Amino acid sequence: MATPVSATSGGTAAASSVPAAAKDDGNMSVAAKAKAQLNVSIVQASLTVSLNSSNEPLSVLLKTALTGINEALKDDFGDNAIQNAVSQDNTPEGTASRIVSLSTAFYDAFKQQHPGEDGDAVLNKFMETLKKGVDQGFKEARGVLDGLKVLDGDVASNIDKTYELVQKGYADFAAAHKAQPEPAPSKDA
């Protein structure tokens, strides 16, 4: 049985600082990793919900739910998956980096689905698709966090900063993958 997360009546969750001991995730697709990351992020956001003494039954529910989630994730991510995920880099920079790297990893597969098309046109379609998905994801995340009544102050500004960093990461990716013009032939005789 997984070790439950300790949630105090003050609403703070004690997370283990044990490094991630996930099993070899080389067999997981990028989409599965992204979905798992999103699920962990949602659970992590739920941990920030204030559980005061009048909500003690909810504290028990949270502990029990997290224990069950840890058990369900054990085969794919090792013991104490939730606690290990909490210890990852959740700064705007770290989060943006994961979003950009996971989503842009699909570029080669996207190119293969558009054979014979202009390289820059395919790149533009790919970037438009990613940006549409990111916009939708950020909108949904804001909705979840707003529903949990934690979308204020630092949380809101960190989301904004993360979004800006994702957009910059996408711009850098697009610039690095744009077709380079052919060098002009030299006029040396």
C-alpha atoms as a PDB file:
ATOM      1  CA  MET A   1       0.000   0.000   0.000  1.00  0.00           C
ATOM      2  CA  ALA A   2       1.330   3.456  -0.834  1.00  0.00           C
ATOM      3  CA  THR A   3       2.144   5.934   1.892  1.00  0.00           C
ATOM      4  CA  PRO A   4      -0.637   8.507   2.100  1.00  0.00           C
ATOM      5  CA  VAL A   5       0.086  12.186   1.732  1.00  0.00           C
ATOM      6  CA  SER A   6      -0.206  13.953   5.046  1.00  0.00           C
ATOM      7  CA  ALA A   7      -2.612  16.867   4.862  1.00  0.00           C
ATOM      8  CA  THR A   8      -2.834  18.966   7.990  1.00  0.00           C
ATOM      9  CA  SER A   9      -5.915  20.802   9.106  1.00  0.00           C
ATOM     10  CA  GLY A  10      -4.164  24.031   8.066  1.00  0.00           C
ATOM     11  CA  GLY A  11      -4.317  22.874   4.479  1.00  0.00           C
ATOM     12  CA  THR A  12      -0.659  22.210   3.772  1.00  0.00           C
ATOM     13  CA  ALA A  13       0.369  18.972   2.194  1.00  0.00           C
ATOM     14  CA  ALA A  14       3.616  17.362   3.237  1.00  0.00           C
ATOM     15  CA  ALA A  15       5.323  15.985   0.166  1.00  0.00           C
ATOM     16  CA  SER A  16       8.173  13.538   0.239  1.00  0.00           C
ATOM     17  CA  SER A  17      11.406  14.801  -1.233  1.00  0.00           C
ATOM     18  CA  VAL A  18      12.272  11.339  -2.455  1.00  0.00           C
ATOM     19  CA  PRO A  19      13.489  11.539  -6.056  1.00  0.00           C
ATOM     20  CA  ALA A  20      11.207  10.115  -8.698  1.00  0.00           C
ATOM     21  CA  ALA A  21      11.536   6.355  -8.815  1.00  0.00           C
ATOM     22  CA  ALA A  22       9.400   5.798 -11.856  1.00  0.00           C
ATOM     23  CA  LYS A  23       9.837   2.643 -13.834  1.00  0.00           C
ATOM     24  CA  ASP A  24      11.343   2.836 -17.311  1.00  0.00           C
ATOM     25  CA  ASP A  25       8.904   5.105 -19.097  1.00  0.00           C
ATOM     26  CA  GLY A  26      10.566   4.663 -22.469  1.00  0.00           C
ATOM     27  CA  ASN A  27       7.580   2.560 -23.527  1.00  0.00           C
ATOM     28  CA  MET A  28       5.131   5.397 -22.803  1.00  0.00           C
ATOM     29  CA  SER A  29       4.094   7.573 -25.707  1.00  0.00           C
ATOM     30  CA  VAL A  30       4.631  11.308 -25.501  1.00  0.00           C
ATOM     31  CA  ALA A  31       0.853  11.769 -25.376  1.00  0.00           C
ATOM     32  CA  ALA A  32       0.573   9.349 -22.444  1.00  0.00           C
ATOM     33  CA  LYS A  33       3.350  11.196 -20.614  1.00  0.00           C
ATOM     34  CA  ALA A  34       1.640  14.527 -21.268  1.00  0.00           C
ATOM     35  CA  LYS A  35      -1.704  13.183 -20.033  1.00  0.00           C
ATOM     36  CA  ALA A  36      -0.089  11.735 -16.930  1.00  0.00           C
ATOM     37  CA  GLN A  37       1.643  15.066 -16.282  1.00  0.00           C
ATOM     38  CA  LEU A  38      -1.669  16.912 -16.648  1.00  0.00           C
ATOM     39  CA  ASN A  39      -3.351  14.490 -14.248  1.00  0.00           C
ATOM     40  CA  VAL A  40      -0.575  14.924 -11.694  1.00  0.00           C
ATOM     41  CA  SER A  41      -0.774  18.717 -12.078  1.00  0.00           C
ATOM     42  CA  ILE A  42      -4.518  18.682 -11.426  1.00  0.00           C
ATOM     43  CA  VAL A  43      -4.061  16.547  -8.321  1.00  0.00           C
ATOM     44  CA  GLN A  44      -1.245  18.809  -7.187  1.00  0.00           C
ATOM     45  CA  ALA A  45      -3.468  21.874  -7.616  1.00  0.00           C
ATOM     46  CA  SER A  46      -6.097  20.095  -5.551  1.00  0.00           C
ATOM     47  CA  LEU A  47      -3.569  19.793  -2.733  1.00  0.00           C
ATOM     48  CA  THR A  48      -3.520  23.567  -2.419  1.00  0.00           C
ATOM     49  CA  VAL A  49      -7.192  23.674  -1.475  1.00  0.00           C
ATOM     50  CA  SER A  50      -7.502  24.834   2.110  1.00  0.00           C
ATOM     51  CA  LEU A  51      -8.798  22.156   4.432  1.00  0.00           C
ATOM     52  CA  ASN A  52      -9.623  23.765   7.767  1.00  0.00           C
ATOM     53  CA  SER A  53     -10.769  21.980  10.898  1.00  0.00           C
ATOM     54  CA  SER A  54     -14.422  22.204   9.870  1.00  0.00           C
ATOM     55  CA  ASN A  55     -13.490  20.209   6.770  1.00  0.00           C
ATOM     56  CA  GLU A  56     -11.695  17.387   8.620  1.00  0.00           C
ATOM     57  CA  PRO A  57     -13.799  14.724   6.808  1.00  0.00           C
ATOM     58  CA  LEU A  58     -12.560  16.194   3.516  1.00  0.00           C
ATOM     59  CA  SER A  59      -8.999  15.888   4.770  1.00  0.00           C
ATOM     60  CA  VAL A  60      -9.572  12.178   5.349  1.00  0.00           C
ATOM     61  CA  LEU A  61     -11.157  11.912   1.900  1.00  0.00           C
ATOM     62  CA  LEU A  62      -8.153  13.660   0.320  1.00  0.00           C
ATOM     63  CA  LYS A  63      -5.674  11.373   2.094  1.00  0.00           C
ATOM     64  CA  THR A  64      -7.638   8.291   1.068  1.00  0.00           C
ATOM     65  CA  ALA A  65      -8.000   9.460  -2.531  1.00  0.00           C
ATOM     66  CA  LEU A  66      -4.286  10.213  -2.806  1.00  0.00           C
ATOM     67  CA  THR A  67      -3.440   6.795  -1.409  1.00  0.00           C
ATOM     68  CA  GLY A  68      -5.659   5.214  -4.069  1.00  0.00           C
ATOM     69  CA  ILE A  69      -4.149   7.372  -6.808  1.00  0.00           C
ATOM     70  CA  ASN A  70      -0.631   6.427  -5.681  1.00  0.00           C
ATOM     71  CA  GLU A  71      -1.634   2.759  -5.856  1.00  0.00           C
ATOM     72  CA  ALA A  72      -3.099   3.188  -9.353  1.00  0.00           C
ATOM     73  CA  LEU A  73       0.011   5.001 -10.610  1.00  0.00           C
ATOM     74  CA  LYS A  74       2.485   2.653  -8.906  1.00  0.00           C
ATOM     75  CA  ASP A  75       2.991   0.322 -11.893  1.00  0.00           C
ATOM     76  CA  ASP A  76       3.777   3.183 -14.267  1.00  0.00           C
ATOM     77  CA  PHE A  77       5.517   5.711 -12.008  1.00  0.00           C
ATOM     78  CA  GLY A  78       6.790   3.802  -8.973  1.00  0.00           C
ATOM     79  CA  ASP A  79       5.980   4.276  -5.311  1.00  0.00           C
ATOM     80  CA  ASN A  80       4.582   7.607  -4.094  1.00  0.00           C
ATOM     81  CA  ALA A  81       4.028   9.030  -7.587  1.00  0.00           C
ATOM     82  CA  ILE A  82       2.095  12.044  -6.315  1.00  0.00           C
ATOM     83  CA  GLN A  83       4.733  13.017  -3.765  1.00  0.00           C
ATOM     84  CA  ASN A  84       7.489  12.568  -6.342  1.00  0.00           C
ATOM     85  CA  ALA A  85       5.623  14.694  -8.870  1.00  0.00           C
ATOM     86  CA  VAL A  86       5.212  17.453  -6.311  1.00  0.00           C
ATOM     87  CA  SER A  87       8.997  17.577  -5.939  1.00  0.00           C
ATOM     88  CA  GLN A  88       9.546  18.245  -9.664  1.00  0.00           C
ATOM     89  CA  ASP A  89      10.308  21.690 -11.052  1.00  0.00           C
ATOM     90  CA  ASN A  90       6.928  23.387 -11.101  1.00  0.00           C
ATOM     91  CA  THR A  91       8.233  26.872 -11.734  1.00  0.00           C
ATOM     92  CA  PRO A  92       6.856  28.687 -14.778  1.00  0.00           C
ATOM     93  CA  GLU A  93      10.170  27.952 -16.531  1.00  0.00           C
ATOM     94  CA  GLY A  94      10.097  24.226 -15.721  1.00  0.00           C
ATOM     95  CA  THR A  95       6.439  23.835 -16.630  1.00  0.00           C
ATOM     96  CA  ALA A  96       6.816  25.781 -19.889  1.00  0.00           C
ATOM     97  CA  SER A  97       9.864  23.717 -20.804  1.00  0.00           C
ATOM     98  CA  ARG A  98       7.919  20.460 -20.367  1.00  0.00           C
ATOM     99  CA  ILE A  99       4.945  21.776 -22.354  1.00  0.00           C
ATOM    100  CA  VAL A 100       7.163  22.918 -25.238  1.00  0.00           C
ATOM    101  CA  SER A 101       9.329  19.794 -25.327  1.00  0.00           C
ATOM    102  CA  LEU A 102       6.431  17.337 -25.080  1.00  0.00           C
ATOM    103  CA  SER A 103       4.304  19.069 -27.704  1.00  0.00           C
ATOM    104  CA  THR A 104       7.046  19.844 -30.228  1.00  0.00           C
ATOM    105  CA  ALA A 105       8.189  16.214 -30.054  1.00  0.00           C
ATOM    106  CA  PHE A 106       5.320  15.436 -32.447  1.00  0.00           C
ATOM    107  CA  TYR A 107       6.766  17.573 -35.258  1.00  0.00           C
ATOM    108  CA  ASP A 108       8.449  14.734 -37.177  1.00  0.00           C
ATOM    109  CA  ALA A 109       5.257  12.647 -37.089  1.00  0.00           C
ATOM    110  CA  PHE A 110       3.256  15.691 -38.219  1.00  0.00           C
ATOM    111  CA  LYS A 111       5.656  16.220 -41.162  1.00  0.00           C
ATOM    112  CA  GLN A 112       5.253  12.572 -42.173  1.00  0.00           C
ATOM    113  CA  GLN A 113       1.489  13.070 -42.359  1.00  0.00           C
ATOM    114  CA  HIS A 114       1.975  15.921 -44.851  1.00  0.00           C
ATOM    115  CA  PRO A 115       4.310  14.493 -47.510  1.00  0.00           C
ATOM    116  CA  GLY A 116       4.990  16.661 -50.536  1.00  0.00           C
ATOM    117  CA  GLU A 117       3.811  19.855 -48.835  1.00  0.00           C
ATOM    118  CA  ASP A 118       6.022  22.912 -48.459  1.00  0.00           C
ATOM    119  CA  GLY A 119       8.158  22.601 -45.319  1.00  0.00           C
ATOM    120  CA  ASP A 120       7.342  26.062 -43.986  1.00  0.00           C
ATOM    121  CA  ALA A 121       3.618  25.532 -44.648  1.00  0.00           C
ATOM    122  CA  VAL A 122       3.722  22.271 -42.667  1.00  0.00           C
ATOM    123  CA  LEU A 123       5.631  24.001 -39.865  1.00  0.00           C
ATOM    124  CA  ASN A 124       3.043  26.806 -39.775  1.00  0.00           C
ATOM    125  CA  LYS A 125       0.161  24.278 -39.631  1.00  0.00           C
ATOM    126  CA  PHE A 126       1.929  22.420 -36.832  1.00  0.00           C
ATOM    127  CA  MET A 127       2.532  25.580 -34.822  1.00  0.00           C
ATOM    128  CA  GLU A 128      -1.089  26.712 -35.301  1.00  0.00           C
ATOM    129  CA  THR A 129      -2.285  23.312 -34.070  1.00  0.00           C
ATOM    130  CA  LEU A 130      -0.038  23.480 -31.004  1.00  0.00           C
ATOM    131  CA  LYS A 131      -1.037  27.044 -30.163  1.00  0.00           C
ATOM    132  CA  LYS A 132      -4.729  26.178 -30.436  1.00  0.00           C
ATOM    133  CA  GLY A 133      -4.230  23.225 -28.085  1.00  0.00           C
ATOM    134  CA  VAL A 134      -2.181  25.249 -25.610  1.00  0.00           C
ATOM    135  CA  ASP A 135      -4.760  28.038 -25.574  1.00  0.00           C
ATOM    136  CA  GLN A 136      -7.480  25.473 -24.851  1.00  0.00           C
ATOM    137  CA  GLY A 137      -5.370  23.768 -22.169  1.00  0.00           C
ATOM    138  CA  PHE A 138      -4.522  27.001 -20.383  1.00  0.00           C
ATOM    139  CA  LYS A 139      -8.173  28.063 -20.503  1.00  0.00           C
ATOM    140  CA  GLU A 140      -9.254  24.733 -18.979  1.00  0.00           C
ATOM    141  CA  ALA A 141      -6.514  24.870 -16.329  1.00  0.00           C
ATOM    142  CA  ARG A 142      -7.576  28.387 -15.352  1.00  0.00           C
ATOM    143  CA  GLY A 143     -11.160  27.113 -15.071  1.00  0.00           C
ATOM    144  CA  VAL A 144     -10.121  24.242 -12.790  1.00  0.00           C
ATOM    145  CA  LEU A 145      -7.979  26.487 -10.599  1.00  0.00           C
ATOM    146  CA  ASP A 146     -10.680  29.158 -10.483  1.00  0.00           C
ATOM    147  CA  GLY A 147     -13.180  26.494  -9.433  1.00  0.00           C
ATOM    148  CA  LEU A 148     -10.812  25.493  -6.630  1.00  0.00           C
ATOM    149  CA  LYS A 149     -10.661  29.175  -5.619  1.00  0.00           C
ATOM    150  CA  VAL A 150      -6.858  29.258  -5.957  1.00  0.00           C
ATOM    151  CA  LEU A 151      -6.574  31.378  -9.112  1.00  0.00           C
ATOM    152  CA  ASP A 152      -5.242  34.591  -7.636  1.00  0.00           C
ATOM    153  CA  GLY A 153      -1.996  36.408  -6.862  1.00  0.00           C
ATOM    154  CA  ASP A 154       1.080  34.318  -7.551  1.00  0.00           C
ATOM    155  CA  VAL A 155      -0.891  31.453  -9.093  1.00  0.00           C
ATOM    156  CA  ALA A 156      -2.442  33.711 -11.741  1.00  0.00           C
ATOM    157  CA  SER A 157       0.831  35.534 -12.453  1.00  0.00           C
ATOM    158  CA  ASN A 158       2.728  32.220 -12.693  1.00  0.00           C
ATOM    159  CA  ILE A 159       0.172  30.936 -15.201  1.00  0.00           C
ATOM    160  CA  ASP A 160       0.604  34.114 -17.247  1.00  0.00           C
ATOM    161  CA  LYS A 161       4.401  33.793 -17.112  1.00  0.00           C
ATOM    162  CA  THR A 162       4.216  30.108 -18.067  1.00  0.00           C
ATOM    163  CA  TYR A 163       1.991  30.959 -21.037  1.00  0.00           C
ATOM    164  CA  GLU A 164       4.430  33.666 -22.192  1.00  0.00           C
ATOM    165  CA  LEU A 165       7.369  31.252 -21.896  1.00  0.00           C
ATOM    166  CA  VAL A 166       5.484  28.588 -23.877  1.00  0.00           C
ATOM    167  CA  GLN A 167       4.792  31.120 -26.643  1.00  0.00           C
ATOM    168  CA  LYS A 168       8.488  32.113 -26.663  1.00  0.00           C
ATOM    169  CA  GLY A 169       9.489  28.436 -26.768  1.00  0.00           C
ATOM    170  CA  TYR A 170       7.201  27.883 -29.740  1.00  0.00           C
ATOM    171  CA  ALA A 171       8.601  30.952 -31.521  1.00  0.00           C
ATOM    172  CA  ASP A 172      12.148  29.678 -30.943  1.00  0.00           C
ATOM    173  CA  PHE A 173      11.177  26.203 -32.184  1.00  0.00           C
ATOM    174  CA  ALA A 174       9.563  27.636 -35.335  1.00  0.00           C
ATOM    175  CA  ALA A 175      12.579  29.859 -36.034  1.00  0.00           C
ATOM    176  CA  ALA A 176      14.944  26.903 -35.658  1.00  0.00           C
ATOM    177  CA  HIS A 177      12.897  24.760 -38.066  1.00  0.00           C
ATOM    178  CA  LYS A 178      12.135  27.311 -40.789  1.00  0.00           C
ATOM    179  CA  ALA A 179      13.632  26.485 -44.167  1.00  0.00           C
ATOM    180  CA  GLN A 180      16.889  28.322 -44.689  1.00  0.00           C
ATOM    181  CA  PRO A 181      17.223  30.160 -48.008  1.00  0.00           C
ATOM    182  CA  GLU A 182      19.639  28.648 -50.488  1.00  0.00           C
ATOM    183  CA  PRO A 183      22.946  30.525 -50.537  1.00  0.00           C
ATOM    184  CA  ALA A 184      23.407  32.604 -53.666  1.00  0.00           C
ATOM    185  CA  PRO A 185      25.910  31.118 -56.114  1.00  0.00           C
ATOM    186  CA  SER A 186      29.255  32.838 -55.942  1.00  0.00           C
ATOM    187  CA  LYS A 187      30.306  34.990 -58.871  1.00  0.00           C
ATOM    188  CA  ASP A 188      33.944  33.961 -58.654  1.00  0.00           C
ATOM    189  CA  ALA A 189      35.258  32.907 -62.009  1.00  0.00           C
END
